[in-house]
Protein backbone atom coordinates (compact mmCIF):
# COMPACT_ATOMS: atom_id res chain seq x y z
CA MET A 1 5.65 -13.56 9.46
CA GLY A 2 5.77 -10.34 11.46
CA LEU A 3 7.81 -7.43 10.12
CA GLU A 4 10.66 -6.91 12.42
CA ASN A 5 13.37 -7.31 10.18
CA VAL A 6 14.06 -4.68 6.29
CA ALA A 7 16.10 -5.10 3.60
CA ALA A 8 16.01 -2.47 0.52
CA VAL A 9 17.35 -3.61 -2.65
CA LEU A 10 20.34 -1.75 -4.55
CA LEU A 11 20.29 -2.39 -8.14
CA GLU A 12 22.38 0.01 -10.19
CA ASN A 13 20.89 3.51 -11.27
CA VAL A 14 18.34 3.24 -8.51
CA HIS A 15 16.80 6.62 -7.99
CA PRO A 16 16.74 8.54 -4.23
CA PHE A 17 13.72 9.64 -3.69
CA GLU A 18 11.93 5.84 -3.75
CA LEU A 19 14.78 4.47 -1.97
CA GLY A 20 14.29 6.98 0.57
CA VAL A 21 10.81 6.36 1.21
CA ILE A 22 11.89 3.16 2.28
CA CYS A 23 14.00 4.72 4.53
CA GLU A 24 11.99 6.99 6.23
CA VAL A 25 9.07 4.83 6.89
CA PHE A 26 11.81 1.91 7.97
CA GLY A 27 14.91 3.17 8.63
CA ILE A 28 14.49 5.48 11.47
CA ASP A 29 14.96 4.28 15.16
CA ARG A 30 11.17 6.26 16.84
CA ARG A 31 11.63 4.24 19.39
CA GLU A 32 11.77 6.73 21.80
CA GLU A 33 8.06 8.01 20.10
CA GLY A 34 6.73 4.39 21.85
CA LEU A 35 6.89 3.17 17.81
CA PRO A 36 8.71 -0.07 16.69
CA ALA A 37 11.94 -0.03 15.87
CA TYR A 38 12.83 -2.19 12.31
CA ASP A 39 16.81 -3.60 11.65
CA PHE A 40 17.14 -2.30 9.17
CA ALA A 41 19.31 -2.83 5.74
CA LEU A 42 20.17 -1.79 2.22
CA VAL A 43 21.48 -4.60 0.71
CA ALA A 44 23.17 -4.34 -3.03
CA ALA A 45 22.16 -7.16 -5.69
CA GLU A 46 25.36 -6.71 -7.81
CA SER A 47 28.75 -4.74 -6.34
CA SER A 48 29.03 -3.34 -3.26
CA SER A 49 28.81 0.30 -4.40
CA VAL A 50 25.44 1.21 -6.82
CA ARG A 51 25.61 4.33 -8.30
CA ALA A 52 22.56 6.52 -8.14
CA VAL A 53 20.80 8.87 -9.99
CA PRO A 54 21.41 11.90 -10.61
CA GLY A 55 25.44 11.01 -9.95
CA PHE A 56 25.84 10.00 -6.49
CA THR A 57 26.84 6.60 -5.53
CA ILE A 58 25.79 4.43 -2.08
CA SER A 59 28.09 1.95 -0.51
CA THR A 60 26.68 -0.59 1.70
CA PRO A 61 28.63 -3.83 3.70
CA TYR A 62 25.89 -5.98 2.62
CA GLY A 63 25.10 -8.45 -0.29
CA LEU A 64 22.54 -10.80 -1.24
CA ASP A 65 23.18 -12.80 2.12
CA ARG A 66 21.35 -10.27 3.76
CA LEU A 67 18.10 -11.30 2.24
CA GLU A 68 17.83 -14.90 4.07
CA ASP A 69 16.71 -13.18 7.14
CA ALA A 70 14.20 -10.56 5.94
CA ASP A 71 10.68 -10.62 7.12
CA LEU A 72 9.71 -7.59 3.92
CA ILE A 73 11.72 -6.89 1.14
CA ALA A 74 11.55 -3.81 -0.43
CA ILE A 75 12.23 -3.05 -4.29
CA PRO A 76 13.03 0.60 -5.31
CA VAL A 77 12.50 2.13 -8.96
CA GLY A 78 15.95 2.74 -11.21
CA ASP A 79 16.74 3.89 -14.48
CA ASP A 80 15.12 1.74 -17.29
CA PHE A 81 14.19 -1.07 -15.42
CA HIS A 82 11.12 -1.59 -17.67
CA THR A 83 13.51 -2.56 -19.91
CA ARG A 84 16.60 -4.19 -18.20
CA ASP A 85 17.51 -7.88 -17.11
CA PHE A 86 18.03 -8.20 -13.93
CA PRO A 87 21.04 -10.34 -11.69
CA PRO A 88 19.53 -13.96 -11.79
CA ALA A 89 20.36 -14.16 -7.97
CA LEU A 90 18.54 -11.54 -6.70
CA LEU A 91 15.50 -13.00 -8.58
CA GLU A 92 16.41 -16.87 -6.84
CA ALA A 93 17.18 -14.68 -3.79
CA LEU A 94 12.97 -12.85 -4.13
CA ARG A 95 11.27 -16.55 -5.01
CA GLN A 96 13.42 -18.03 -2.06
CA ALA A 97 12.17 -15.37 0.14
CA VAL A 98 8.62 -15.70 -0.64
CA ALA A 99 9.20 -19.25 -0.66
CA ARG A 100 9.73 -18.92 3.12
CA GLY A 101 6.90 -16.40 4.03
CA ALA A 102 9.07 -13.08 3.74
CA ARG A 103 7.34 -10.23 2.07
CA VAL A 104 8.23 -8.54 -1.01
CA VAL A 105 7.21 -4.54 -1.50
CA SER A 106 7.93 -2.04 -4.93
CA VAL A 107 8.03 0.98 -5.45
CA CYS A 108 7.29 1.87 -9.45
CA VAL A 109 8.64 0.14 -11.73
CA GLY A 110 10.05 -2.51 -9.40
CA ALA A 111 7.75 -4.06 -10.13
CA PHE A 112 9.71 -5.33 -12.73
CA VAL A 113 11.89 -6.85 -10.94
CA LEU A 114 9.20 -9.08 -9.09
CA GLY A 115 7.92 -9.72 -13.00
CA ALA A 116 10.91 -11.10 -13.76
CA ALA A 117 11.36 -13.42 -10.83
CA GLY A 118 8.05 -14.87 -11.52
CA LEU A 119 6.44 -13.43 -8.55
CA LEU A 120 3.18 -11.10 -10.43
CA ASP A 121 1.61 -14.45 -12.02
CA GLY A 122 -1.26 -15.24 -11.67
CA ARG A 123 -1.57 -12.02 -9.26
CA ARG A 124 -3.03 -8.50 -9.57
CA CYS A 125 -0.33 -5.57 -9.36
CA THR A 126 0.47 -2.46 -10.89
CA THR A 127 3.12 0.11 -11.73
CA HIS A 128 3.76 3.54 -12.68
CA TRP A 129 0.48 4.34 -14.88
CA ARG A 130 3.00 4.98 -17.88
CA TYR A 131 4.72 1.99 -18.10
CA ALA A 132 1.55 -0.50 -17.09
CA ASP A 133 0.73 -1.71 -20.55
CA ALA A 134 4.64 -2.26 -20.87
CA LEU A 135 4.06 -4.64 -17.92
CA ALA A 136 1.49 -6.03 -18.63
CA GLU A 137 3.19 -6.82 -22.18
CA ARG A 138 6.33 -8.20 -20.84
CA PHE A 139 4.56 -10.57 -18.20
CA PRO A 140 1.62 -11.30 -19.55
CA LYS A 141 0.54 -14.11 -16.46
CA ALA A 142 0.22 -10.41 -14.39
CA GLY A 143 -3.08 -9.12 -14.05
CA VAL A 144 -1.86 -5.01 -14.01
CA GLU A 145 -3.81 -2.36 -12.54
CA PRO A 146 -3.27 0.84 -13.94
CA GLY A 147 -5.83 2.59 -12.17
CA VAL A 148 -4.71 2.65 -8.22
CA LEU A 149 -2.15 3.43 -5.60
CA TYR A 150 -0.96 0.15 -4.78
CA VAL A 151 -2.10 -3.58 -5.00
CA ASP A 152 -1.84 -5.63 -2.30
CA GLU A 153 -1.22 -9.43 -3.09
CA ASP A 154 0.08 -10.72 0.03
CA PRO A 155 2.79 -12.11 -0.18
CA ILE A 156 3.17 -9.09 -3.00
CA LEU A 157 3.07 -5.66 -2.64
CA THR A 158 3.33 -3.16 -5.33
CA SER A 159 2.77 0.41 -5.76
CA ALA A 160 2.34 3.24 -8.54
CA GLY A 161 5.08 6.11 -8.93
CA THR A 162 6.84 8.03 -6.15
CA SER A 163 4.70 8.65 -4.01
CA ALA A 164 2.46 5.70 -4.04
CA GLY A 165 5.21 4.16 -2.41
CA ILE A 166 4.71 5.86 0.66
CA ASP A 167 0.43 4.70 0.84
CA ALA A 168 2.28 1.03 0.22
CA CYS A 169 4.81 1.44 2.77
CA LEU A 170 2.47 2.48 5.49
CA HIS A 171 -0.72 -0.07 4.31
CA LEU A 172 2.20 -2.62 5.07
CA VAL A 173 2.54 -1.11 8.39
CA ARG A 174 -1.14 -0.52 9.34
CA LYS A 175 -2.06 -4.05 8.57
CA LEU A 176 0.63 -5.52 10.26
CA GLN A 177 1.10 -3.33 13.60
CA GLY A 178 -2.17 -1.00 13.44
CA SER A 179 -3.23 1.99 12.51
CA ASP A 180 -2.18 4.06 15.85
CA VAL A 181 1.71 2.57 14.16
CA ALA A 182 1.03 3.41 10.90
CA ASN A 183 -0.66 7.37 12.39
CA ALA A 184 2.46 7.82 13.81
CA ILE A 185 5.07 7.20 11.10
CA ALA A 186 2.55 9.58 8.85
CA ARG A 187 2.48 11.85 10.89
CA ARG A 188 6.10 12.49 11.33
CA MET A 189 6.85 12.31 7.83
CA VAL A 190 4.02 14.90 7.26
CA VAL A 191 1.91 13.01 4.46
CA PRO A 192 -1.75 11.53 5.27
CA PRO A 193 -2.38 7.28 6.62
CA HIS A 194 -4.59 7.58 4.30
CA ARG A 195 -4.03 8.59 0.93
CA GLU A 196 -8.17 8.35 -1.20
CA GLY A 197 -7.61 7.93 -4.15
CA GLY A 198 -6.15 6.02 -7.81
CA GLN A 199 -3.70 6.97 -9.76
CA ALA A 200 -5.96 7.47 -12.43
CA GLN A 201 -6.25 10.83 -11.43
CA TYR A 202 -2.56 11.40 -12.47
CA ILE A 203 -2.75 10.14 -16.11
CA GLU A 204 -2.82 12.72 -18.06
CA ARG A 205 -6.03 13.07 -20.10
CA PRO A 206 -7.97 16.28 -21.45
CA VAL A 207 -9.14 18.78 -17.95
CA ALA A 208 -13.04 17.59 -17.00
CA HIS A 209 -15.35 20.66 -17.16
CA CYS A 210 -17.23 20.00 -13.77
CA GLY A 211 -17.92 17.15 -11.31
CA GLU A 212 -14.62 16.53 -9.61
CA ASP A 213 -16.10 19.08 -6.23
CA GLY A 214 -19.12 16.64 -6.92
CA VAL A 215 -17.29 13.55 -6.11
CA ARG A 216 -15.39 14.75 -3.67
CA GLU A 217 -18.15 16.26 -1.84
CA ALA A 218 -19.88 12.73 -1.89
CA LEU A 219 -16.69 10.90 -0.69
CA VAL A 220 -16.60 13.41 2.46
CA TRP A 221 -20.07 12.46 3.08
CA ALA A 222 -20.01 9.15 2.69
CA GLU A 223 -17.09 8.92 5.44
CA MET A 224 -18.96 10.52 7.69
CA ASN A 225 -22.07 8.77 7.67
CA LEU A 226 -20.54 4.71 7.69
CA ASP A 227 -22.98 3.65 9.78
CA GLN A 228 -26.35 4.13 7.12
CA GLU A 229 -27.31 2.50 4.20
CA ILE A 230 -25.32 4.29 1.58
CA SER A 231 -26.00 3.74 -2.28
CA VAL A 232 -24.96 4.52 -6.03
CA GLU A 233 -27.95 6.81 -6.16
CA GLN A 234 -27.60 8.48 -2.85
CA LEU A 235 -23.67 9.66 -3.88
CA SER A 236 -25.18 10.44 -7.65
CA ALA A 237 -27.54 13.30 -5.77
CA ARG A 238 -25.13 14.34 -3.66
CA ALA A 239 -22.09 14.59 -6.49
CA CYS A 240 -25.54 16.55 -8.62
CA MET A 241 -25.24 13.89 -11.41
CA SER A 242 -27.39 10.59 -12.49
CA PRO A 243 -25.71 7.06 -11.57
CA ARG A 244 -23.91 6.00 -14.54
CA THR A 245 -22.35 9.16 -15.01
CA PHE A 246 -20.90 9.50 -11.20
CA ALA A 247 -19.93 5.75 -11.37
CA ARG A 248 -17.70 6.89 -14.33
CA ARG A 249 -16.68 9.75 -13.04
CA PHE A 250 -15.90 8.21 -9.49
CA ARG A 251 -13.27 5.82 -11.28
CA THR A 252 -11.76 8.02 -12.95
CA GLU A 253 -10.56 10.11 -10.10
CA THR A 254 -10.56 7.49 -7.52
CA GLY A 255 -9.30 4.29 -9.81
CA THR A 256 -12.02 2.05 -7.78
CA THR A 257 -15.42 1.66 -8.17
CA PRO A 258 -17.84 3.25 -5.55
CA TYR A 259 -18.57 -0.49 -3.70
CA ARG A 260 -15.17 -1.19 -3.51
CA TRP A 261 -14.10 2.31 -2.51
CA LEU A 262 -17.32 1.97 0.72
CA LEU A 263 -16.14 -1.28 1.77
CA ALA A 264 -12.76 -0.12 2.24
CA GLN A 265 -13.74 3.01 4.51
CA ARG A 266 -16.10 0.37 6.60
CA VAL A 267 -12.99 -1.93 7.12
CA LEU A 268 -10.95 0.67 7.59
CA SER A 269 -13.20 2.76 10.46
CA ALA A 270 -13.65 -0.99 11.75
CA GLN A 271 -9.72 -1.31 12.76
CA ARG A 272 -9.88 1.93 13.95
CA LEU A 273 -12.75 1.02 16.58
CA LEU A 274 -11.40 -2.38 17.40
CA GLU A 275 -7.40 -0.47 18.51
CA ASN A 276 -9.00 2.52 20.09
CA THR A 277 -12.28 1.32 21.84
CA ASP A 278 -14.06 -1.61 23.89
CA GLU A 279 -16.76 -1.50 21.94
CA THR A 280 -18.99 -4.88 20.83
CA MET A 281 -18.70 -6.54 17.49
CA GLU A 282 -22.12 -5.90 17.10
CA ALA A 283 -21.91 -2.34 18.11
CA ILE A 284 -18.74 -2.06 15.95
CA ALA A 285 -20.54 -3.35 13.09
CA ALA A 286 -23.89 -1.03 13.27
CA ARG A 287 -21.02 2.17 13.79
CA THR A 288 -19.40 1.45 10.32
CA GLY A 289 -22.57 0.20 8.17
CA PHE A 290 -21.80 -3.52 8.06
CA ALA A 291 -25.41 -5.25 8.92
CA ASN A 292 -24.31 -7.35 12.23
CA ALA A 293 -21.38 -8.91 13.13
CA ALA A 294 -20.98 -11.78 11.24
CA ALA A 295 -20.97 -9.72 8.14
CA LEU A 296 -18.16 -7.38 9.50
CA ARG A 297 -15.86 -10.33 10.19
CA TYR A 298 -16.62 -11.62 6.49
CA GLN A 299 -15.65 -8.26 5.23
CA PHE A 300 -12.86 -8.33 7.17
CA VAL A 301 -11.71 -11.45 7.05
CA ARG A 302 -11.91 -10.94 2.97
CA SER A 303 -9.71 -7.79 3.41
CA LEU A 304 -6.98 -8.69 6.26
CA ASN A 305 -6.69 -11.95 6.15
CA THR A 306 -8.00 -11.97 9.92
CA THR A 307 -10.91 -11.79 12.59
CA PRO A 308 -11.57 -8.81 14.00
CA HIS A 309 -10.78 -10.24 17.70
CA ALA A 310 -7.88 -11.36 16.32
CA TYR A 311 -6.83 -8.27 15.19
CA ARG A 312 -8.15 -6.53 18.58
CA ARG A 313 -6.17 -8.83 20.54
CA ALA A 314 -2.62 -8.05 18.16
CA PHE A 315 -3.85 -4.18 17.94
CA ARG A 316 -5.71 -2.65 21.19
CA GLY A 317 -3.74 -0.17 22.77
CA ARG A 318 -0.17 -0.52 21.14
CA LEU A 319 0.47 2.75 21.61
CA SER A 320 -1.62 3.70 24.85
CA GLY A 321 1.65 5.64 26.16
CA THR A 322 2.27 7.64 23.33
CA THR A 323 0.11 11.36 22.89
CA ARG A 324 -2.67 11.29 19.91
CA GLN A 325 -3.44 13.67 17.88
């Protein structure tokens, strides 16, 4: 399923910032810039007038029947989502939407809505770090990962607190419409198109005495040398740490392992080259650190559920008429 029809679900005491993230990415017509426009709607899950924090109301003519046509359904956070119950009609609408092939994305503790609908069972997911334990306790069949910014378990995408919703939405745009589209939207929003690290860096903990700059320097070096074989030993040496200390500090700072981070950077670099160059698969594999085109294809399919050739056909020159920065 593509990404044309988007609906954001409003529940009582919705938080305006998280709702605004969804509206900013999908609710603005950017066709004059050569970007796709979305058929976007706000959907009231209960009454047509929804109270938002801190005290204003949002009115919309759309009810749950609007979800029947949506390619993407977005669930922004609201007060007490980690403890409250949700309308059974909404939960059933979400289940039916996923069954017909729609995607669903939650922002922050909007993940509790997806859990109540049974959509997190057997899937990895995340939420704001303060409520990760509560999510795992309430929905024991869900695989909660508290240290990441978002988790894409297609067709379910969950994100961490507040601004991680931006990361998740831009990731989805990048995945379905290409990095040029995601980058152009990010430039308009004045945010990074692809933010590194996980929410582990925001969890309250004692201030580290040293090493964070070393980790960052190692990441910058790795991004500039993706065509080379890169080991944890090399990265730890760049960070002036032992491999064991580096691996531990790396996970604390980024929420993932060095191997997974490197693999994600290689795939992302390959996406850009597929979109913006005519280089062969072997050349792209070499430039992004894969042993050969077959290795590139294997990791590409594993990460994005499509082949490099299919990705290039879908996204090559998508924004050829726009100005690139």
